[in-house]
Amino acid sequence: MPVSKKTFFISDLHLGASYLDEPKSYERRVVRFLNSIADEADELYLLGDILDYWYEYRTVVPRGYIRFFGALSALADKGVKITWFIGNHDIWLFDYLAQEIGLRVVDGYEVREIYGKRFFLSHGDGLGKLPPTFRLLRATFRNRICQKLYAAIHPRWTIPFAHKWSNHSRDFDNSTPMFKGEHNEPLISFCRQYLSETDPSIEYFVFGHRHILLDFPLGVNNSRMIILGDWIRQFSYGVFDGNRFSLHIFNDSSNPEKK
């Protein structure tokens, strides 16, 4: 049955990306969305690549994102439970935001029960059949020794390098990522294998990473795979009300820049 509060899901905001025409305008749009759900939200899941780049040094953090962090703090102060899944761009998220805002940080995947339904949640970048080079890079970026060596380099060198790498890893142009088909999407194969070999009780697999908006029936026990789109072109999000999972586009009617 539907519940009085709802659970919201967003991913792939890529805030701070150098390829965005007006980064602060993108950030303000996200903040308006967060403000709009404040009275409805019970939980908020951020499913990775929320920031295009982030590295927490021992005593300092990157500049920027003040409006966004403030909006998350306001939600947390109202009692909204916030969980941030690490993606392949915001890999180096450690304990700063957990301590300052009160959110949970998850690296990898998590199986959770939400309003009596079983969910498998992850950014999605480390799942399924992946090229060996990607697996090597992913392992390198998560290696503690490599992280300490990276932290020893002055940010004046690491931050420009990271943004250049981000641009290289996402060839941003005017085209929209497309669904590759049932047999060419590794996440679909992963979900079906997980249902058959690990846990057939999962009702919803929810991912980011692919930058496509998708609600796909897996053909096993009424399970569905959801991909949340992004906030670069689509400004999309997911909502679960205890009965139905639905995908939406944020109607930014309160945007003062449109007036």
Protein backbone atom coordinates (compact mmCIF):
# COMPACT_ATOMS: atom_id res chain seq x y z
CA MET A 1 0.00 0.00 0.00
CA PRO A 2 1.15 3.57 -0.61
CA VAL A 3 2.67 5.29 2.43
CA SER A 4 2.36 8.88 3.58
CA LYS A 5 6.02 9.62 2.80
CA LYS A 6 8.03 8.65 -0.26
CA THR A 7 11.56 7.55 -1.08
CA PHE A 8 13.42 9.47 -3.79
CA PHE A 9 16.33 8.39 -5.99
CA ILE A 10 18.68 10.51 -8.14
CA SER A 11 22.04 9.92 -9.79
CA ASP A 12 24.64 11.35 -12.15
CA LEU A 13 24.35 15.04 -11.34
CA HIS A 14 28.04 15.57 -12.18
CA LEU A 15 28.01 18.88 -10.32
CA GLY A 16 31.08 20.97 -11.01
CA ALA A 17 31.83 19.36 -14.39
CA SER A 18 33.83 21.68 -16.61
CA TYR A 19 31.77 20.77 -19.68
CA LEU A 20 28.58 22.27 -18.18
CA ASP A 21 27.83 25.68 -19.69
CA GLU A 22 26.65 27.24 -16.43
CA PRO A 23 27.65 24.99 -13.51
CA LYS A 24 26.00 27.17 -10.85
CA SER A 25 22.73 27.18 -12.81
CA TYR A 26 22.79 23.37 -12.78
CA GLU A 27 23.48 23.39 -9.05
CA ARG A 28 20.59 25.79 -8.38
CA ARG A 29 18.24 23.52 -10.32
CA VAL A 30 19.25 20.56 -8.16
CA VAL A 31 18.70 22.65 -5.03
CA ARG A 32 15.21 23.62 -6.19
CA PHE A 33 14.45 19.93 -6.69
CA LEU A 34 15.70 19.05 -3.20
CA ASN A 35 13.64 21.87 -1.71
CA SER A 36 10.56 20.65 -3.61
CA ILE A 37 10.67 17.17 -2.02
CA ALA A 38 11.39 18.31 1.54
CA ASP A 39 7.83 17.75 2.81
CA GLU A 40 7.32 14.41 1.03
CA ALA A 41 10.65 12.67 1.43
CA ASP A 42 11.26 9.94 3.96
CA GLU A 43 14.56 8.85 2.37
CA LEU A 44 16.82 10.11 -0.41
CA TYR A 45 19.25 7.86 -2.27
CA LEU A 46 22.05 9.50 -4.24
CA LEU A 47 23.23 6.77 -6.59
CA GLY A 48 26.67 7.98 -7.55
CA ASP A 49 28.49 10.53 -9.70
CA ILE A 50 26.76 13.27 -7.78
CA LEU A 51 29.92 15.35 -8.01
CA ASP A 52 32.06 15.23 -11.13
CA TYR A 53 35.19 15.31 -8.96
CA TRP A 54 35.80 15.18 -5.24
CA TYR A 55 38.79 14.44 -3.06
CA GLU A 56 38.84 14.82 0.71
CA TYR A 57 42.25 15.71 2.05
CA ARG A 58 42.86 15.24 5.76
CA THR A 59 42.15 18.87 6.68
CA VAL A 60 40.69 20.48 3.54
CA VAL A 61 38.03 19.73 0.93
CA PRO A 62 37.48 21.16 -2.58
CA ARG A 63 35.76 24.53 -2.89
CA GLY A 64 32.24 24.83 -4.27
CA TYR A 65 28.90 22.99 -3.93
CA ILE A 66 27.82 25.23 -1.03
CA ARG A 67 24.19 25.50 -2.15
CA PHE A 68 23.94 21.76 -2.76
CA PHE A 69 25.48 20.76 0.56
CA GLY A 70 23.25 23.29 2.31
CA ALA A 71 20.14 21.78 0.72
CA LEU A 72 21.20 18.26 1.76
CA SER A 73 21.85 19.53 5.30
CA ALA A 74 18.38 21.10 5.41
CA LEU A 75 16.81 17.78 4.40
CA ALA A 76 18.85 15.88 6.99
CA ASP A 77 17.84 18.40 9.66
CA LYS A 78 14.19 17.70 8.81
CA GLY A 79 14.75 14.00 9.44
CA VAL A 80 15.18 12.79 5.85
CA LYS A 81 17.54 9.81 5.76
CA ILE A 82 20.16 10.33 3.05
CA THR A 83 22.39 7.63 1.55
CA TRP A 84 25.15 8.48 -0.94
CA PHE A 85 26.49 5.65 -3.10
CA ILE A 86 29.98 6.28 -4.46
CA GLY A 87 30.23 6.34 -8.25
CA ASN A 88 33.20 6.34 -10.59
CA HIS A 89 33.58 10.14 -10.44
CA ASP A 90 33.03 10.80 -6.73
CA ILE A 91 35.22 7.85 -5.73
CA TRP A 92 37.15 9.66 -3.03
CA LEU A 93 34.27 10.44 -0.74
CA PHE A 94 35.33 9.57 2.78
CA ASP A 95 33.88 10.82 6.09
CA TYR A 96 33.57 14.61 5.73
CA LEU A 97 29.98 14.74 4.44
CA ALA A 98 28.91 11.89 6.72
CA GLN A 99 30.09 13.88 9.72
CA GLU A 100 28.95 17.33 8.60
CA ILE A 101 25.56 16.45 7.09
CA GLY A 102 24.74 13.15 8.77
CA LEU A 103 24.33 11.09 5.61
CA ARG A 104 25.51 7.51 5.01
CA VAL A 105 28.18 6.72 2.44
CA VAL A 106 28.13 3.35 0.66
CA ASP A 107 30.94 2.10 -1.57
CA GLY A 108 29.63 -0.73 -3.73
CA TYR A 109 26.10 -2.07 -3.54
CA GLU A 110 23.50 -2.59 -0.86
CA VAL A 111 20.39 -4.72 -0.57
CA ARG A 112 17.70 -2.90 1.42
CA GLU A 113 14.06 -3.31 2.28
CA ILE A 114 12.05 -0.18 1.54
CA TYR A 115 8.41 -0.17 2.60
CA GLY A 116 8.42 -3.98 2.56
CA LYS A 117 10.00 -4.35 -0.90
CA ARG A 118 13.49 -5.68 -1.63
CA PHE A 119 15.84 -3.30 -3.44
CA PHE A 120 19.31 -3.80 -4.89
CA LEU A 121 20.99 -0.38 -5.03
CA SER A 122 24.28 0.63 -6.64
CA HIS A 123 25.80 3.20 -8.95
CA GLY A 124 26.35 0.30 -11.35
CA ASP A 125 29.87 0.93 -12.60
CA GLY A 126 31.45 -2.13 -10.99
CA LEU A 127 28.81 -4.68 -11.92
CA GLY A 128 28.48 -7.10 -14.79
CA LYS A 129 31.05 -8.01 -17.39
CA LEU A 130 33.60 -5.19 -17.57
CA PRO A 131 36.71 -4.62 -19.71
CA PRO A 132 39.94 -5.57 -17.89
CA THR A 133 41.30 -2.04 -18.30
CA PHE A 134 38.27 -0.58 -16.52
CA ARG A 135 38.57 -3.09 -13.69
CA LEU A 136 42.26 -2.21 -13.29
CA LEU A 137 41.56 1.53 -13.19
CA ARG A 138 38.72 1.03 -10.72
CA ALA A 139 40.93 -1.04 -8.42
CA THR A 140 43.76 1.51 -8.69
CA PHE A 141 41.53 4.47 -7.78
CA ARG A 142 40.23 2.59 -4.71
CA ASN A 143 43.65 1.40 -3.54
CA ARG A 144 44.58 3.03 -0.22
CA ILE A 145 48.26 3.34 -1.10
CA CYS A 146 47.45 5.01 -4.42
CA GLN A 147 45.06 7.36 -2.63
CA LYS A 148 47.76 8.40 -0.15
CA LEU A 149 50.24 9.01 -2.98
CA TYR A 150 47.66 11.09 -4.82
CA ALA A 151 46.93 13.11 -1.67
CA ALA A 152 50.64 13.95 -1.36
CA ILE A 153 50.49 15.91 -4.65
CA HIS A 154 49.45 19.55 -4.35
CA PRO A 155 45.81 20.19 -5.40
CA ARG A 156 46.94 22.80 -7.96
CA TRP A 157 48.10 19.80 -10.01
CA THR A 158 45.60 17.10 -9.08
CA ILE A 159 42.35 19.04 -9.57
CA PRO A 160 43.05 20.19 -13.17
CA PHE A 161 44.28 16.68 -13.96
CA ALA A 162 41.07 15.17 -12.52
CA HIS A 163 38.82 17.48 -14.54
CA LYS A 164 40.77 16.72 -17.71
CA TRP A 165 40.43 13.00 -17.00
CA SER A 166 36.69 13.44 -16.42
CA ASN A 167 36.28 15.14 -19.79
CA HIS A 168 38.25 12.35 -21.42
CA SER A 169 36.22 9.59 -19.74
CA ARG A 170 32.90 11.18 -20.77
CA ASP A 171 32.95 12.44 -24.33
CA PHE A 172 30.30 15.07 -23.72
CA ASP A 173 28.49 16.20 -26.83
CA ASN A 174 24.93 16.86 -27.92
CA SER A 175 24.03 13.18 -28.30
CA THR A 176 22.07 11.33 -25.63
CA PRO A 177 23.22 7.86 -24.48
CA MET A 178 20.90 5.21 -25.86
CA PHE A 179 19.60 1.86 -24.65
CA LYS A 180 21.76 -0.78 -26.35
CA GLY A 181 19.16 -3.52 -26.32
CA GLU A 182 18.31 -6.30 -23.91
CA HIS A 183 21.27 -8.50 -24.83
CA ASN A 184 23.87 -5.71 -24.97
CA GLU A 185 23.33 -4.08 -21.58
CA PRO A 186 25.67 -5.70 -19.01
CA LEU A 187 23.49 -4.55 -16.10
CA ILE A 188 20.52 -6.56 -17.41
CA SER A 189 22.66 -9.69 -17.57
CA PHE A 190 23.98 -8.97 -14.08
CA CYS A 191 20.47 -8.57 -12.62
CA ARG A 192 19.20 -11.81 -14.14
CA GLN A 193 22.26 -13.72 -12.94
CA TYR A 194 21.90 -12.24 -9.45
CA LEU A 195 18.23 -13.27 -9.33
CA SER A 196 18.98 -16.83 -10.44
CA GLU A 197 22.15 -17.43 -8.41
CA THR A 198 22.03 -15.17 -5.36
CA ASP A 199 18.69 -13.69 -4.33
CA PRO A 200 15.45 -14.25 -6.26
CA SER A 201 13.52 -11.99 -3.84
CA ILE A 202 14.87 -8.70 -5.24
CA GLU A 203 11.97 -6.72 -6.72
CA TYR A 204 13.81 -3.59 -7.86
CA PHE A 205 17.38 -3.10 -9.09
CA VAL A 206 18.12 0.63 -9.17
CA PHE A 207 21.23 2.06 -10.84
CA GLY A 208 22.75 5.20 -12.26
CA HIS A 209 25.92 5.30 -14.39
CA ARG A 210 24.44 4.71 -17.86
CA HIS A 211 22.79 8.15 -18.22
CA ILE A 212 19.67 6.59 -19.72
CA LEU A 213 16.13 6.64 -18.34
CA LEU A 214 14.93 3.04 -18.19
CA ASP A 215 12.32 0.90 -16.43
CA PHE A 216 12.95 -2.63 -17.71
CA PRO A 217 11.04 -5.82 -16.75
CA LEU A 218 13.58 -8.60 -16.17
CA GLY A 219 11.13 -11.42 -16.80
CA VAL A 220 11.90 -13.06 -13.46
CA ASN A 221 9.44 -12.88 -10.53
CA ASN A 222 8.12 -9.48 -11.68
CA SER A 223 11.53 -7.92 -10.92
CA ARG A 224 12.43 -4.67 -12.66
CA MET A 225 15.67 -2.87 -13.44
CA ILE A 226 15.60 0.90 -13.12
CA ILE A 227 18.23 3.29 -14.50
CA LEU A 228 17.71 6.84 -13.27
CA GLY A 229 18.90 8.94 -16.22
CA ASP A 230 20.96 12.00 -15.29
CA TRP A 231 20.90 15.69 -14.46
CA ILE A 232 22.97 16.82 -17.43
CA ARG A 233 20.19 16.60 -20.00
CA GLN A 234 17.22 14.78 -18.49
CA PHE A 235 16.84 16.11 -14.92
CA SER A 236 15.19 12.84 -13.94
CA TYR A 237 14.54 11.07 -10.68
CA GLY A 238 12.78 8.03 -9.24
CA VAL A 239 10.07 7.80 -6.59
CA PHE A 240 8.85 4.80 -4.62
CA ASP A 241 5.62 5.21 -2.64
CA GLY A 242 5.42 1.72 -1.15
CA ASN A 243 3.39 0.36 -4.04
CA ARG A 244 4.91 1.61 -7.29
CA PHE A 245 8.28 2.81 -8.52
CA SER A 246 7.95 5.65 -11.02
CA LEU A 247 10.36 7.77 -13.04
CA HIS A 248 9.86 11.52 -13.41
CA ILE A 249 11.35 14.60 -15.04
CA PHE A 250 11.74 17.56 -12.71
CA ASN A 251 9.31 20.30 -13.71
CA ASP A 252 11.36 23.34 -12.76
CA SER A 253 8.40 25.73 -12.75
CA SER A 254 9.84 27.82 -9.90
CA ASN A 255 13.02 28.64 -11.82
CA PRO A 256 13.42 32.43 -11.61
CA GLU A 257 15.85 32.33 -14.55
CA LYS A 258 12.91 31.44 -16.84
CA LYS A 259 10.93 34.52 -15.86
